[in-house]
Amino acid sequence: MDLSALNKIAEREFLPKKRATDMEKDHQYMVTALKEVKTRFGTKIVAELDDSFQVFLPEKISSAILKDEAFFNSLCNSANKLCLFLKYLGGSSFKFDSSTQ
């Protein structure tokens, strides 16, 4: 990694946030990170997609992931290996896909 790339990362504290409805329908995004975030509405999961923006996952998905810590850690490991993908299907529907390439 060169210094200009490192400086670009250092300048940006957080990736911009998008609403799920602002995502392109039926487009497959690479999940580059998953984070557990405390909000005034409770704990939620934020997904970093394509290293370009963040999106809060819907309540039903966040709560399902948070119920099983081992599963959450497994998803985080897949995201760190760049082999977890998320497709927005419209509304509050998503489809996860794992690639072992």
Protein backbone atom coordinates (compact mmCIF):
# COMPACT_ATOMS: atom_id res chain seq x y z
CA MET A 1 0.00 0.00 0.00
CA ASP A 2 1.39 3.39 -0.91
CA LEU A 3 1.21 6.47 1.30
CA SER A 4 -1.48 8.18 -0.76
CA ALA A 5 -3.83 5.22 -0.23
CA LEU A 6 -3.06 5.23 3.49
CA ASN A 7 -3.66 8.99 3.72
CA LYS A 8 -6.99 8.59 1.92
CA ILE A 9 -8.06 6.06 4.55
CA ALA A 10 -6.83 8.27 7.39
CA GLU A 11 -8.76 11.31 6.12
CA ARG A 12 -12.07 9.46 6.16
CA GLU A 13 -13.21 8.64 9.69
CA PHE A 14 -16.35 6.74 8.65
CA LEU A 15 -17.75 5.51 5.38
CA PRO A 16 -20.91 7.32 4.26
CA LYS A 17 -24.20 5.69 5.25
CA LYS A 18 -26.93 4.70 2.82
CA ARG A 19 -30.47 3.59 3.41
CA ALA A 20 -31.31 0.13 2.17
CA THR A 21 -33.83 1.70 -0.21
CA ASP A 22 -31.01 3.74 -1.81
CA MET A 23 -29.18 0.56 -2.79
CA GLU A 24 -29.37 -0.82 -6.30
CA LYS A 25 -31.95 -3.61 -6.47
CA ASP A 26 -30.64 -7.09 -7.37
CA HIS A 27 -27.03 -5.86 -7.26
CA GLN A 28 -24.54 -8.05 -5.40
CA TYR A 29 -22.36 -6.08 -2.97
CA MET A 30 -19.24 -7.43 -1.31
CA VAL A 31 -19.45 -7.22 2.48
CA THR A 32 -16.07 -5.89 3.61
CA ALA A 33 -16.94 -5.67 7.33
CA LEU A 34 -19.75 -6.26 9.81
CA LYS A 35 -19.98 -4.21 12.99
CA GLU A 36 -22.13 -4.36 16.09
CA VAL A 37 -23.35 -0.82 16.85
CA LYS A 38 -25.20 0.46 19.91
CA THR A 39 -28.02 2.85 18.93
CA ARG A 40 -30.84 4.47 20.87
CA PHE A 41 -33.07 1.77 19.39
CA GLY A 42 -30.85 -1.06 20.62
CA THR A 43 -27.94 -2.98 19.16
CA LYS A 44 -27.86 -3.17 15.36
CA ILE A 45 -25.56 -4.65 12.72
CA VAL A 46 -23.92 -2.32 10.22
CA ALA A 47 -22.48 -3.78 7.03
CA GLU A 48 -19.69 -2.06 5.11
CA LEU A 49 -20.28 -2.77 1.44
CA ASP A 50 -17.68 -2.63 -1.33
CA ASP A 51 -15.49 -0.54 1.02
CA SER A 52 -17.53 2.45 -0.15
CA PHE A 53 -20.56 2.83 2.14
CA GLN A 54 -22.32 1.46 5.22
CA VAL A 55 -25.88 0.25 5.65
CA PHE A 56 -27.81 -0.68 8.78
CA LEU A 57 -29.26 -4.15 8.36
CA PRO A 58 -32.99 -4.48 9.10
CA GLU A 59 -34.06 -5.32 12.65
CA LYS A 60 -35.08 -8.90 11.79
CA ILE A 61 -31.64 -9.64 10.32
CA SER A 62 -29.69 -7.85 13.06
CA SER A 63 -31.53 -9.65 15.86
CA ALA A 64 -31.15 -13.05 14.17
CA ILE A 65 -27.39 -12.54 13.77
CA LEU A 66 -26.92 -11.20 17.30
CA LYS A 67 -28.69 -14.20 18.88
CA ASP A 68 -25.76 -16.45 17.92
CA GLU A 69 -22.32 -15.01 18.68
CA ALA A 70 -20.51 -17.86 16.91
CA PHE A 71 -22.55 -17.21 13.76
CA PHE A 72 -21.81 -13.47 13.94
CA ASN A 73 -18.08 -14.21 14.29
CA SER A 74 -18.28 -16.62 11.34
CA LEU A 75 -19.92 -13.93 9.19
CA CYS A 76 -17.27 -11.39 10.26
CA ASN A 77 -14.50 -13.82 9.30
CA SER A 78 -16.11 -14.39 5.89
CA ALA A 79 -16.36 -10.62 5.39
CA ASN A 80 -12.70 -10.16 6.37
CA LYS A 81 -11.74 -12.80 3.78
CA LEU A 82 -13.84 -10.90 1.20
CA CYS A 83 -16.05 -13.90 0.50
CA LEU A 84 -19.39 -12.67 1.87
CA PHE A 85 -21.86 -10.98 -0.46
CA LEU A 86 -25.17 -9.22 0.06
CA LYS A 87 -27.87 -8.69 -2.55
CA TYR A 88 -30.62 -6.12 -1.98
CA LEU A 89 -33.97 -7.54 -3.11
CA GLY A 90 -36.15 -4.51 -2.38
CA GLY A 91 -38.02 -3.29 0.68
CA SER A 92 -36.30 -4.76 3.72
CA SER A 93 -35.29 -7.99 1.96
CA PHE A 94 -31.69 -9.08 1.49
CA LYS A 95 -29.98 -12.26 0.38
CA PHE A 96 -26.59 -13.28 1.75
CA ASP A 97 -24.21 -15.41 -0.29
CA SER A 98 -20.87 -16.89 0.65
CA SER A 99 -18.14 -17.53 -1.89
CA THR A 100 -15.14 -19.72 -1.09
CA GLN A 101 -13.07 -18.63 -4.08
